[in-house]
Amino acid sequence: MADTNYFDNVSEGEPETIVVGDYLQWKRTDLARAYDPSLYTLSYLGRIAGGGNEITITATSQTDHFLIQVSSTVTANYNPGRYHWQLEITRDSDGERIVVDRSHSEVIPDLEVNSSDPRTHAEIMLDKIRSLLQGKADSDVSSYSIAGRSLTKMTFEELTQAEAYFHAKVEAENAKLNAKAHRDTGATVKVRF
């Protein structure tokens, strides 16, 4: 991680996580092989889960790839949350468009400027459910719900099922972060028994 200058080294593919206020850049070389960058335009349309906030990004055409760059001043206006996006290719000659990919990215708050809770949604839900199960619920637990049903109205069995579900989600998030950290550092971890 420390050996990589992210301003100079452009990664291939979309980021899974975006920090509000960070400079972003990535490229799509694979699509340039099928869609000549001088004849096609690549763009993204992203919408936050639940609707409302929308992001549009248009790539710059390079010789052998599409380059996507978003300034820090633009991402500073992104609202934290899960954004579902679609990748569109437009034929410049007639404006015809096709969607070639769909996925999602998580936009997370910048801890330097935002005092909001840095936990993921799954971590927050797991903590709220566990507080209910332990009889130590805080005052705002009633404002949380699953599938439109308040946590405080759920049965013990429903809460334990939800606890298992969110526990698995948190474990998966942590495993993904650990794998990424290991991949970025290139470190080999040796264990002796």
N, C-alpha and C. Protein backbone atom coordinates (compact mmCIF):
# COMPACT_ATOMS: atom_id res chain seq x y z
N MET A 1 0.82 -1.18 0.00
CA MET A 1 0.00 0.00 0.00
C MET A 1 0.87 1.25 0.00
N ALA A 2 1.91 1.30 0.85
CA ALA A 2 2.75 2.48 0.94
C ALA A 2 3.62 2.65 -0.30
N ASP A 3 3.83 1.60 -1.07
CA ASP A 3 4.68 1.67 -2.26
C ASP A 3 3.94 2.18 -3.50
N THR A 4 2.64 2.36 -3.40
CA THR A 4 1.85 2.75 -4.55
C THR A 4 1.47 4.22 -4.46
N ASN A 5 1.77 4.98 -5.51
CA ASN A 5 1.32 6.36 -5.60
C ASN A 5 0.04 6.35 -6.41
N TYR A 6 -1.10 6.54 -5.74
CA TYR A 6 -2.39 6.43 -6.39
C TYR A 6 -2.70 7.59 -7.33
N PHE A 7 -1.92 8.66 -7.27
CA PHE A 7 -2.09 9.75 -8.23
C PHE A 7 -1.45 9.38 -9.57
N ASP A 8 -0.36 8.60 -9.52
CA ASP A 8 0.37 8.25 -10.73
C ASP A 8 -0.03 6.91 -11.33
N ASN A 9 -0.47 5.98 -10.50
CA ASN A 9 -0.81 4.64 -10.97
C ASN A 9 -2.32 4.50 -11.08
N VAL A 10 -2.80 4.36 -12.28
CA VAL A 10 -4.23 4.27 -12.53
C VAL A 10 -4.65 2.80 -12.50
N SER A 11 -5.56 2.47 -11.59
CA SER A 11 -6.00 1.08 -11.49
C SER A 11 -7.01 0.76 -12.58
N GLU A 12 -7.14 -0.50 -12.83
CA GLU A 12 -8.07 -1.02 -13.84
C GLU A 12 -9.39 -1.34 -13.14
N GLY A 13 -10.47 -0.76 -13.56
CA GLY A 13 -11.78 -1.07 -13.00
C GLY A 13 -12.24 -0.11 -11.92
N GLU A 14 -13.52 -0.15 -11.67
CA GLU A 14 -14.19 0.77 -10.75
C GLU A 14 -13.81 0.50 -9.29
N PRO A 15 -13.76 1.56 -8.49
CA PRO A 15 -13.50 1.35 -7.06
C PRO A 15 -14.73 0.78 -6.37
N GLU A 16 -14.50 -0.12 -5.41
CA GLU A 16 -15.61 -0.66 -4.62
C GLU A 16 -16.02 0.31 -3.53
N THR A 17 -15.04 1.09 -3.05
CA THR A 17 -15.28 2.06 -1.98
C THR A 17 -14.74 3.42 -2.40
N ILE A 18 -15.53 4.45 -2.15
CA ILE A 18 -15.15 5.83 -2.47
C ILE A 18 -15.27 6.64 -1.19
N VAL A 19 -14.22 7.37 -0.85
CA VAL A 19 -14.27 8.25 0.32
C VAL A 19 -14.70 9.64 -0.16
N VAL A 20 -15.70 10.21 0.49
CA VAL A 20 -16.18 11.54 0.13
C VAL A 20 -15.00 12.50 0.18
N GLY A 21 -14.80 13.26 -0.90
CA GLY A 21 -13.72 14.24 -0.97
C GLY A 21 -12.42 13.71 -1.53
N ASP A 22 -12.36 12.43 -1.90
CA ASP A 22 -11.14 11.88 -2.49
C ASP A 22 -11.12 12.08 -4.00
N TYR A 23 -9.93 12.25 -4.55
CA TYR A 23 -9.72 12.26 -6.00
C TYR A 23 -9.84 10.82 -6.49
N LEU A 24 -10.57 10.61 -7.55
CA LEU A 24 -10.77 9.27 -8.10
C LEU A 24 -10.22 9.19 -9.51
N GLN A 25 -9.62 8.05 -9.82
CA GLN A 25 -9.28 7.76 -11.21
C GLN A 25 -9.15 6.26 -11.39
N TRP A 26 -9.61 5.80 -12.53
CA TRP A 26 -9.46 4.41 -12.92
C TRP A 26 -9.58 4.35 -14.44
N LYS A 27 -9.32 3.20 -15.00
CA LYS A 27 -9.42 3.06 -16.46
C LYS A 27 -10.12 1.76 -16.82
N ARG A 28 -10.61 1.72 -18.05
CA ARG A 28 -11.21 0.50 -18.60
C ARG A 28 -10.55 0.22 -19.94
N THR A 29 -9.53 -0.62 -19.91
CA THR A 29 -8.80 -1.01 -21.12
C THR A 29 -9.59 -2.06 -21.89
N ASP A 30 -10.26 -2.95 -21.16
CA ASP A 30 -11.01 -4.04 -21.80
C ASP A 30 -12.06 -3.51 -22.77
N LEU A 31 -12.77 -2.47 -22.38
CA LEU A 31 -13.83 -1.93 -23.24
C LEU A 31 -13.26 -1.20 -24.46
N ALA A 32 -12.06 -0.64 -24.34
CA ALA A 32 -11.45 0.06 -25.48
C ALA A 32 -11.09 -0.92 -26.60
N ARG A 33 -10.90 -2.18 -26.27
CA ARG A 33 -10.62 -3.18 -27.32
C ARG A 33 -11.86 -3.44 -28.16
N ALA A 34 -13.03 -3.38 -27.54
CA ALA A 34 -14.27 -3.64 -28.26
C ALA A 34 -14.90 -2.36 -28.82
N TYR A 35 -14.68 -1.23 -28.12
CA TYR A 35 -15.28 0.05 -28.51
C TYR A 35 -14.17 1.08 -28.66
N ASP A 36 -13.80 1.38 -29.89
CA ASP A 36 -12.73 2.33 -30.17
C ASP A 36 -13.02 3.66 -29.46
N PRO A 37 -12.14 4.10 -28.54
CA PRO A 37 -12.38 5.33 -27.79
C PRO A 37 -12.56 6.58 -28.66
N SER A 38 -12.09 6.54 -29.90
CA SER A 38 -12.29 7.70 -30.78
C SER A 38 -13.69 7.69 -31.41
N LEU A 39 -14.41 6.59 -31.26
CA LEU A 39 -15.74 6.48 -31.88
C LEU A 39 -16.87 6.33 -30.86
N TYR A 40 -16.53 6.05 -29.61
CA TYR A 40 -17.53 5.80 -28.57
C TYR A 40 -17.22 6.62 -27.32
N THR A 41 -18.25 6.89 -26.54
CA THR A 41 -18.12 7.58 -25.25
C THR A 41 -18.56 6.64 -24.14
N LEU A 42 -17.75 6.57 -23.09
CA LEU A 42 -18.06 5.75 -21.94
C LEU A 42 -18.52 6.67 -20.81
N SER A 43 -19.62 6.32 -20.16
CA SER A 43 -20.11 7.13 -19.04
C SER A 43 -20.77 6.23 -18.00
N TYR A 44 -20.85 6.78 -16.78
CA TYR A 44 -21.46 6.09 -15.65
C TYR A 44 -22.66 6.89 -15.17
N LEU A 45 -23.69 6.18 -14.78
CA LEU A 45 -24.83 6.77 -14.10
C LEU A 45 -24.97 6.01 -12.80
N GLY A 46 -24.87 6.71 -11.67
CA GLY A 46 -25.00 6.08 -10.37
C GLY A 46 -26.12 6.71 -9.57
N ARG A 47 -26.83 5.90 -8.83
CA ARG A 47 -27.92 6.40 -7.99
C ARG A 47 -27.84 5.74 -6.63
N ILE A 48 -27.98 6.56 -5.59
CA ILE A 48 -27.90 6.05 -4.23
C ILE A 48 -29.09 5.14 -3.95
N ALA A 49 -28.85 4.08 -3.17
CA ALA A 49 -29.93 3.16 -2.81
C ALA A 49 -31.05 3.95 -2.14
N GLY A 50 -32.27 3.67 -2.54
CA GLY A 50 -33.41 4.40 -2.02
C GLY A 50 -33.81 5.57 -2.92
N GLY A 51 -33.01 5.81 -3.96
CA GLY A 51 -33.33 6.87 -4.92
C GLY A 51 -32.85 8.23 -4.48
N GLY A 52 -33.02 9.17 -5.35
CA GLY A 52 -32.64 10.54 -5.03
C GLY A 52 -31.31 10.93 -5.61
N ASN A 53 -30.26 10.90 -4.79
CA ASN A 53 -28.95 11.39 -5.19
C ASN A 53 -28.43 10.63 -6.41
N GLU A 54 -28.01 11.38 -7.45
CA GLU A 54 -27.56 10.77 -8.69
C GLU A 54 -26.19 11.32 -9.07
N ILE A 55 -25.35 10.47 -9.63
CA ILE A 55 -24.01 10.84 -10.05
C ILE A 55 -23.86 10.47 -11.52
N THR A 56 -23.28 11.37 -12.30
CA THR A 56 -22.93 11.06 -13.69
C THR A 56 -21.44 11.36 -13.87
N ILE A 57 -20.76 10.46 -14.55
CA ILE A 57 -19.32 10.59 -14.81
C ILE A 57 -19.09 10.20 -16.26
N THR A 58 -18.33 11.01 -16.99
CA THR A 58 -17.99 10.71 -18.38
C THR A 58 -16.49 10.52 -18.48
N ALA A 59 -16.09 9.45 -19.15
CA ALA A 59 -14.67 9.13 -19.31
C ALA A 59 -14.03 9.99 -20.38
N THR A 60 -12.71 10.09 -20.28
CA THR A 60 -11.90 10.73 -21.32
C THR A 60 -11.39 9.62 -22.22
N SER A 61 -11.49 9.80 -23.52
CA SER A 61 -11.01 8.79 -24.46
C SER A 61 -9.50 8.89 -24.64
N GLN A 62 -8.82 7.79 -24.39
CA GLN A 62 -7.38 7.69 -24.62
C GLN A 62 -7.16 6.76 -25.82
N THR A 63 -5.94 6.57 -26.21
CA THR A 63 -5.65 5.73 -27.38
C THR A 63 -6.08 4.28 -27.17
N ASP A 64 -5.71 3.71 -26.00
CA ASP A 64 -5.98 2.29 -25.77
C ASP A 64 -6.86 2.01 -24.56
N HIS A 65 -7.45 3.04 -23.98
CA HIS A 65 -8.34 2.83 -22.83
C HIS A 65 -9.24 4.05 -22.62
N PHE A 66 -10.25 3.85 -21.79
CA PHE A 66 -11.09 4.96 -21.34
C PHE A 66 -10.57 5.35 -19.96
N LEU A 67 -10.33 6.63 -19.74
CA LEU A 67 -9.81 7.12 -18.47
C LEU A 67 -10.92 7.86 -17.74
N ILE A 68 -11.15 7.47 -16.48
CA ILE A 68 -12.18 8.10 -15.66
C ILE A 68 -11.47 8.85 -14.54
N GLN A 69 -11.76 10.14 -14.41
CA GLN A 69 -11.17 10.97 -13.36
C GLN A 69 -12.26 11.84 -12.77
N VAL A 70 -12.30 11.89 -11.45
CA VAL A 70 -13.28 12.71 -10.73
C VAL A 70 -12.52 13.51 -9.68
N SER A 71 -12.66 14.82 -9.71
CA SER A 71 -11.90 15.67 -8.79
C SER A 71 -12.43 15.56 -7.37
N SER A 72 -11.58 15.93 -6.42
CA SER A 72 -11.94 15.93 -5.01
C SER A 72 -13.10 16.88 -4.73
N THR A 73 -13.15 18.00 -5.45
CA THR A 73 -14.24 18.95 -5.22
C THR A 73 -15.58 18.38 -5.65
N VAL A 74 -15.58 17.50 -6.64
CA VAL A 74 -16.82 16.85 -7.06
C VAL A 74 -17.24 15.79 -6.06
N THR A 75 -16.32 14.91 -5.66
CA THR A 75 -16.68 13.84 -4.72
C THR A 75 -17.01 14.38 -3.33
N ALA A 76 -16.56 15.60 -3.03
CA ALA A 76 -16.89 16.21 -1.73
C ALA A 76 -18.40 16.42 -1.60
N ASN A 77 -19.11 16.45 -2.74
CA ASN A 77 -20.56 16.63 -2.73
C ASN A 77 -21.34 15.32 -2.76
N TYR A 78 -20.64 14.18 -2.79
CA TYR A 78 -21.32 12.89 -2.78
C TYR A 78 -21.88 12.63 -1.38
N ASN A 79 -23.08 12.08 -1.32
CA ASN A 79 -23.66 11.67 -0.05
C ASN A 79 -23.24 10.24 0.25
N PRO A 80 -22.83 9.96 1.48
CA PRO A 80 -22.46 8.58 1.83
C PRO A 80 -23.64 7.63 1.62
N GLY A 81 -23.32 6.42 1.18
CA GLY A 81 -24.34 5.39 0.97
C GLY A 81 -23.91 4.45 -0.13
N ARG A 82 -24.76 3.50 -0.43
CA ARG A 82 -24.50 2.51 -1.48
C ARG A 82 -25.08 3.04 -2.78
N TYR A 83 -24.23 3.16 -3.79
CA TYR A 83 -24.65 3.63 -5.10
C TYR A 83 -24.68 2.47 -6.09
N HIS A 84 -25.80 2.31 -6.73
CA HIS A 84 -25.92 1.34 -7.82
C HIS A 84 -25.60 2.12 -9.09
N TRP A 85 -24.75 1.56 -9.93
CA TRP A 85 -24.38 2.28 -11.14
C TRP A 85 -24.49 1.39 -12.36
N GLN A 86 -24.62 2.06 -13.49
CA GLN A 86 -24.56 1.35 -14.75
C GLN A 86 -23.54 2.04 -15.64
N LEU A 87 -22.84 1.23 -16.40
CA LEU A 87 -21.80 1.69 -17.31
C LEU A 87 -22.40 1.69 -18.72
N GLU A 88 -22.35 2.85 -19.35
CA GLU A 88 -22.99 3.02 -20.66
C GLU A 88 -21.94 3.34 -21.73
N ILE A 89 -22.14 2.78 -22.90
CA ILE A 89 -21.33 3.12 -24.07
C ILE A 89 -22.26 3.78 -25.08
N THR A 90 -21.87 4.96 -25.55
CA THR A 90 -22.66 5.68 -26.55
C THR A 90 -21.87 5.77 -27.84
N ARG A 91 -22.52 5.41 -28.95
CA ARG A 91 -21.89 5.53 -30.27
C ARG A 91 -21.95 6.99 -30.68
N ASP A 92 -20.81 7.62 -30.87
CA ASP A 92 -20.74 9.05 -31.14
C ASP A 92 -21.42 9.44 -32.45
N SER A 93 -21.41 8.56 -33.43
CA SER A 93 -21.95 8.92 -34.76
C SER A 93 -23.45 9.17 -34.75
N ASP A 94 -24.20 8.46 -33.89
CA ASP A 94 -25.66 8.64 -33.92
C ASP A 94 -26.28 8.76 -32.52
N GLY A 95 -25.46 8.70 -31.46
CA GLY A 95 -25.99 8.87 -30.11
C GLY A 95 -26.67 7.65 -29.53
N GLU A 96 -26.62 6.52 -30.22
CA GLU A 96 -27.23 5.29 -29.70
C GLU A 96 -26.41 4.79 -28.51
N ARG A 97 -27.11 4.30 -27.49
CA ARG A 97 -26.48 3.91 -26.23
C ARG A 97 -26.84 2.49 -25.84
N ILE A 98 -25.89 1.80 -25.19
CA ILE A 98 -26.16 0.49 -24.58
C ILE A 98 -25.53 0.45 -23.19
N VAL A 99 -26.15 -0.28 -22.28
CA VAL A 99 -25.60 -0.51 -20.94
C VAL A 99 -24.77 -1.78 -21.02
N VAL A 100 -23.48 -1.67 -20.67
CA VAL A 100 -22.58 -2.82 -20.79
C VAL A 100 -22.21 -3.46 -19.45
N ASP A 101 -22.52 -2.76 -18.35
CA ASP A 101 -22.19 -3.33 -17.04
C ASP A 101 -23.03 -2.63 -15.98
N ARG A 102 -23.28 -3.33 -14.89
CA ARG A 102 -23.98 -2.77 -13.73
C ARG A 102 -23.35 -3.35 -12.48
N SER A 103 -23.23 -2.51 -11.46
CA SER A 103 -22.71 -2.99 -10.18
C SER A 103 -23.02 -1.94 -9.12
N HIS A 104 -22.22 -1.89 -8.08
CA HIS A 104 -22.43 -0.91 -7.02
C HIS A 104 -21.10 -0.55 -6.38
N SER A 105 -21.07 0.60 -5.75
CA SER A 105 -19.92 1.07 -4.98
C SER A 105 -20.44 1.72 -3.70
N GLU A 106 -19.65 1.64 -2.66
CA GLU A 106 -20.01 2.23 -1.38
C GLU A 106 -19.29 3.56 -1.23
N VAL A 107 -20.04 4.62 -0.99
CA VAL A 107 -19.47 5.93 -0.72
C VAL A 107 -19.48 6.11 0.79
N ILE A 108 -18.29 6.31 1.35
CA ILE A 108 -18.17 6.41 2.81
C ILE A 108 -17.73 7.82 3.21
N PRO A 109 -18.10 8.25 4.42
CA PRO A 109 -17.74 9.61 4.85
C PRO A 109 -16.24 9.77 5.07
N ASP A 110 -15.77 10.99 4.89
CA ASP A 110 -14.40 11.35 5.20
C ASP A 110 -14.34 11.64 6.70
N LEU A 111 -13.59 10.87 7.44
CA LEU A 111 -13.52 11.04 8.89
C LEU A 111 -12.95 12.40 9.29
N GLU A 112 -12.16 12.99 8.40
CA GLU A 112 -11.54 14.27 8.72
C GLU A 112 -12.56 15.40 8.80
N VAL A 113 -13.59 15.34 7.97
CA VAL A 113 -14.56 16.44 7.93
C VAL A 113 -15.96 16.05 8.38
N ASN A 114 -16.18 14.78 8.61
CA ASN A 114 -17.52 14.33 8.93
C ASN A 114 -17.48 13.56 10.26
N SER A 115 -18.26 14.02 11.19
CA SER A 115 -18.26 13.37 12.50
C SER A 115 -19.31 12.27 12.59
N SER A 116 -19.88 11.87 11.46
CA SER A 116 -20.90 10.82 11.49
C SER A 116 -20.27 9.47 11.83
N ASP A 117 -21.11 8.54 12.14
CA ASP A 117 -20.70 7.20 12.53
C ASP A 117 -19.95 6.51 11.38
N PRO A 118 -18.69 6.09 11.60
CA PRO A 118 -17.92 5.48 10.52
C PRO A 118 -18.23 4.00 10.27
N ARG A 119 -19.09 3.41 11.09
CA ARG A 119 -19.41 1.99 10.92
C ARG A 119 -20.24 1.78 9.65
N THR A 120 -20.12 0.58 9.10
CA THR A 120 -20.96 0.23 7.96
C THR A 120 -22.38 0.00 8.45
N HIS A 121 -23.31 -0.05 7.51
CA HIS A 121 -24.71 -0.32 7.86
C HIS A 121 -24.82 -1.65 8.61
N ALA A 122 -24.12 -2.66 8.12
CA ALA A 122 -24.19 -3.98 8.77
C ALA A 122 -23.66 -3.92 10.20
N GLU A 123 -22.58 -3.18 10.45
CA GLU A 123 -22.04 -3.06 11.80
C GLU A 123 -23.03 -2.34 12.72
N ILE A 124 -23.65 -1.29 12.23
CA ILE A 124 -24.64 -0.57 13.04
C ILE A 124 -25.81 -1.47 13.39
N MET A 125 -26.34 -2.17 12.39
CA MET A 125 -27.49 -3.05 12.63
C MET A 125 -27.12 -4.16 13.60
N LEU A 126 -25.95 -4.74 13.45
CA LEU A 126 -25.52 -5.81 14.36
C LEU A 126 -25.45 -5.29 15.80
N ASP A 127 -24.87 -4.11 15.97
CA ASP A 127 -24.78 -3.53 17.32
C ASP A 127 -26.16 -3.23 17.90
N LYS A 128 -27.08 -2.70 17.09
CA LYS A 128 -28.43 -2.38 17.57
C LYS A 128 -29.18 -3.66 17.97
N ILE A 129 -29.08 -4.68 17.14
CA ILE A 129 -29.76 -5.95 17.43
C ILE A 129 -29.19 -6.59 18.69
N ARG A 130 -27.88 -6.59 18.81
CA ARG A 130 -27.25 -7.17 20.00
C ARG A 130 -27.63 -6.39 21.26
N SER A 131 -27.75 -5.07 21.14
CA SER A 131 -28.15 -4.28 22.32
C SER A 131 -29.57 -4.66 22.76
N LEU A 132 -30.45 -4.92 21.80
CA LEU A 132 -31.81 -5.36 22.14
C LEU A 132 -31.79 -6.74 22.80
N LEU A 133 -31.02 -7.65 22.22
CA LEU A 133 -30.95 -9.00 22.76
C LEU A 133 -30.37 -9.03 24.17
N GLN A 134 -29.49 -8.09 24.48
CA GLN A 134 -28.87 -8.02 25.80
C GLN A 134 -29.67 -7.16 26.77
N GLY A 135 -30.77 -6.58 26.28
CA GLY A 135 -31.60 -5.74 27.15
C GLY A 135 -30.95 -4.40 27.47
N LYS A 136 -30.05 -3.96 26.60
CA LYS A 136 -29.34 -2.69 26.83
C LYS A 136 -29.51 -1.75 25.64
N ALA A 137 -30.68 -1.72 25.08
CA ALA A 137 -30.93 -0.90 23.89
C ALA A 137 -30.80 0.58 24.20
N ASP A 138 -30.17 1.30 23.26
CA ASP A 138 -30.06 2.75 23.44
C ASP A 138 -31.34 3.43 22.95
N SER A 139 -31.41 4.73 23.15
CA SER A 139 -32.66 5.46 22.89
C SER A 139 -33.07 5.51 21.42
N ASP A 140 -32.13 5.38 20.48
CA ASP A 140 -32.51 5.51 19.07
C ASP A 140 -32.75 4.17 18.37
N VAL A 141 -32.70 3.06 19.10
CA VAL A 141 -32.87 1.75 18.47
C VAL A 141 -34.24 1.62 17.80
N SER A 142 -35.25 2.31 18.30
CA SER A 142 -36.59 2.22 17.71
C SER A 142 -36.66 2.85 16.32
N SER A 143 -35.66 3.65 15.95
CA SER A 143 -35.67 4.26 14.62
C SER A 143 -35.06 3.34 13.56
N TYR A 144 -34.61 2.16 13.95
CA TYR A 144 -34.04 1.20 13.00
C TYR A 144 -35.06 0.11 12.70
N SER A 145 -35.04 -0.32 11.43
CA SER A 145 -36.00 -1.35 11.03
C SER A 145 -35.39 -2.27 9.99
N ILE A 146 -36.01 -3.42 9.83
CA ILE A 146 -35.65 -4.40 8.82
C ILE A 146 -36.90 -4.69 8.01
N ALA A 147 -36.81 -4.48 6.71
CA ALA A 147 -37.96 -4.69 5.81
C ALA A 147 -39.19 -3.94 6.30
N GLY A 148 -38.98 -2.71 6.77
CA GLY A 148 -40.09 -1.88 7.21
C GLY A 148 -40.63 -2.18 8.59
N ARG A 149 -40.02 -3.12 9.30
CA ARG A 149 -40.50 -3.50 10.63
C ARG A 149 -39.50 -3.06 11.69
N SER A 150 -39.95 -2.29 12.65
CA SER A 150 -39.09 -1.75 13.70
C SER A 150 -38.41 -2.88 14.46
N LEU A 151 -37.13 -2.68 14.79
CA LEU A 151 -36.40 -3.68 15.58
C LEU A 151 -37.09 -3.96 16.90
N THR A 152 -37.68 -2.93 17.48
CA THR A 152 -38.32 -3.10 18.79
C THR A 152 -39.59 -3.92 18.72
N LYS A 153 -40.14 -4.13 17.54
CA LYS A 153 -41.37 -4.92 17.37
C LYS A 153 -41.08 -6.37 16.96
N MET A 154 -39.81 -6.70 16.76
CA MET A 154 -39.46 -8.04 16.31
C MET A 154 -39.42 -9.02 17.49
N THR A 155 -39.73 -10.29 17.20
CA THR A 155 -39.67 -11.33 18.23
C THR A 155 -38.22 -11.69 18.50
N PHE A 156 -38.00 -12.41 19.59
CA PHE A 156 -36.66 -12.86 19.94
C PHE A 156 -36.08 -13.72 18.80
N GLU A 157 -36.90 -14.61 18.25
CA GLU A 157 -36.44 -15.47 17.15
C GLU A 157 -36.05 -14.64 15.93
N GLU A 158 -36.85 -13.64 15.58
CA GLU A 158 -36.54 -12.78 14.44
C GLU A 158 -35.24 -11.99 14.68
N LEU A 159 -35.07 -11.54 15.92
CA LEU A 159 -33.85 -10.80 16.25
C LEU A 159 -32.62 -11.69 16.17
N THR A 160 -32.73 -12.94 16.63
CA THR A 160 -31.56 -13.84 16.57
C THR A 160 -31.23 -14.20 15.12
N GLN A 161 -32.26 -14.34 14.28
CA GLN A 161 -32.01 -14.59 12.86
C GLN A 161 -31.34 -13.37 12.21
N ALA A 162 -31.83 -12.19 12.55
CA ALA A 162 -31.25 -10.95 12.02
C ALA A 162 -29.82 -10.78 12.53
N GLU A 163 -29.58 -11.14 13.78
CA GLU A 163 -28.23 -11.04 14.35
C GLU A 163 -27.27 -11.95 13.59
N ALA A 164 -27.70 -13.15 13.28
CA ALA A 164 -26.85 -14.09 12.52
C ALA A 164 -26.58 -13.55 11.11
N TYR A 165 -27.60 -12.99 10.49
CA TYR A 165 -27.46 -12.43 9.14
C TYR A 165 -26.45 -11.28 9.12
N PHE A 166 -26.61 -10.31 10.02
CA PHE A 166 -25.72 -9.16 10.04
C PHE A 166 -24.32 -9.52 10.54
N HIS A 167 -24.23 -10.52 11.41
CA HIS A 167 -22.92 -10.99 11.84
C HIS A 167 -22.15 -11.54 10.63
N ALA A 168 -22.83 -12.33 9.80
CA ALA A 168 -22.20 -12.88 8.60
C ALA A 168 -21.78 -11.77 7.63
N LYS A 169 -22.63 -10.74 7.50
CA LYS A 169 -22.28 -9.60 6.63
C LYS A 169 -21.04 -8.87 7.14
N VAL A 170 -20.96 -8.63 8.43
CA VAL A 170 -19.81 -7.95 9.02
C VAL A 170 -18.55 -8.79 8.82
N GLU A 171 -18.67 -10.09 9.05
CA GLU A 171 -17.52 -10.98 8.85
C GLU A 171 -17.05 -10.94 7.40
N ALA A 172 -17.98 -10.93 6.45
CA ALA A 172 -17.63 -10.86 5.03
C ALA A 172 -16.95 -9.53 4.69
N GLU A 173 -17.47 -8.44 5.25
CA GLU A 173 -16.85 -7.12 5.03
C GLU A 173 -15.43 -7.10 5.58
N ASN A 174 -15.24 -7.64 6.78
CA ASN A 174 -13.91 -7.67 7.39
C ASN A 174 -12.95 -8.55 6.60
N ALA A 175 -13.43 -9.69 6.12
CA ALA A 175 -12.59 -10.58 5.32
C ALA A 175 -12.16 -9.88 4.03
N LYS A 176 -13.08 -9.15 3.43
CA LYS A 176 -12.79 -8.42 2.19
C LYS A 176 -11.73 -7.33 2.45
N LEU A 177 -11.88 -6.60 3.55
CA LEU A 177 -10.90 -5.57 3.90
C LEU A 177 -9.54 -6.18 4.20
N ASN A 178 -9.53 -7.30 4.92
CA ASN A 178 -8.26 -7.97 5.23
C ASN A 178 -7.58 -8.49 3.98
N ALA A 179 -8.36 -9.04 3.06
CA ALA A 179 -7.80 -9.53 1.81
C ALA A 179 -7.22 -8.38 0.99
N LYS A 180 -7.94 -7.26 0.95
CA LYS A 180 -7.46 -6.09 0.21
C LYS A 180 -6.19 -5.55 0.85
N ALA A 181 -6.15 -5.45 2.17
CA ALA A 181 -4.96 -4.95 2.86
C ALA A 181 -3.77 -5.85 2.58
N HIS A 182 -3.99 -7.15 2.60
CA HIS A 182 -2.90 -8.10 2.31
C HIS A 182 -2.45 -7.97 0.87
N ARG A 183 -3.38 -7.82 -0.06
CA ARG A 183 -3.08 -7.68 -1.49
C ARG A 183 -2.31 -6.38 -1.72
N ASP A 184 -2.71 -5.28 -1.06
CA ASP A 184 -2.06 -3.98 -1.26
C ASP A 184 -0.65 -3.94 -0.70
N THR A 185 -0.41 -4.62 0.42
CA THR A 185 0.91 -4.59 1.03
C THR A 185 1.82 -5.65 0.42
N GLY A 186 1.23 -6.71 -0.11
CA GLY A 186 2.02 -7.80 -0.64
C GLY A 186 2.71 -8.58 0.47
N ALA A 187 2.31 -8.33 1.69
CA ALA A 187 2.96 -8.99 2.83
C ALA A 187 2.59 -10.46 2.90
N THR A 188 3.52 -11.25 3.34
CA THR A 188 3.27 -12.66 3.57
C THR A 188 3.19 -12.85 5.08
N VAL A 189 2.14 -13.44 5.52
CA VAL A 189 1.96 -13.69 6.94
C VAL A 189 2.31 -15.14 7.21
N LYS A 190 3.30 -15.35 8.08
CA LYS A 190 3.73 -16.70 8.43
C LYS A 190 3.25 -17.03 9.83
N VAL A 191 2.74 -18.23 10.00
CA VAL A 191 2.24 -18.65 11.30
C VAL A 191 2.93 -19.96 11.68
N ARG A 192 3.33 -20.05 12.93
CA ARG A 192 3.94 -21.29 13.42
C ARG A 192 3.06 -21.85 14.51
N PHE A 193 2.80 -23.15 14.47
CA PHE A 193 1.98 -23.81 15.50
C PHE A 193 2.86 -24.65 16.38
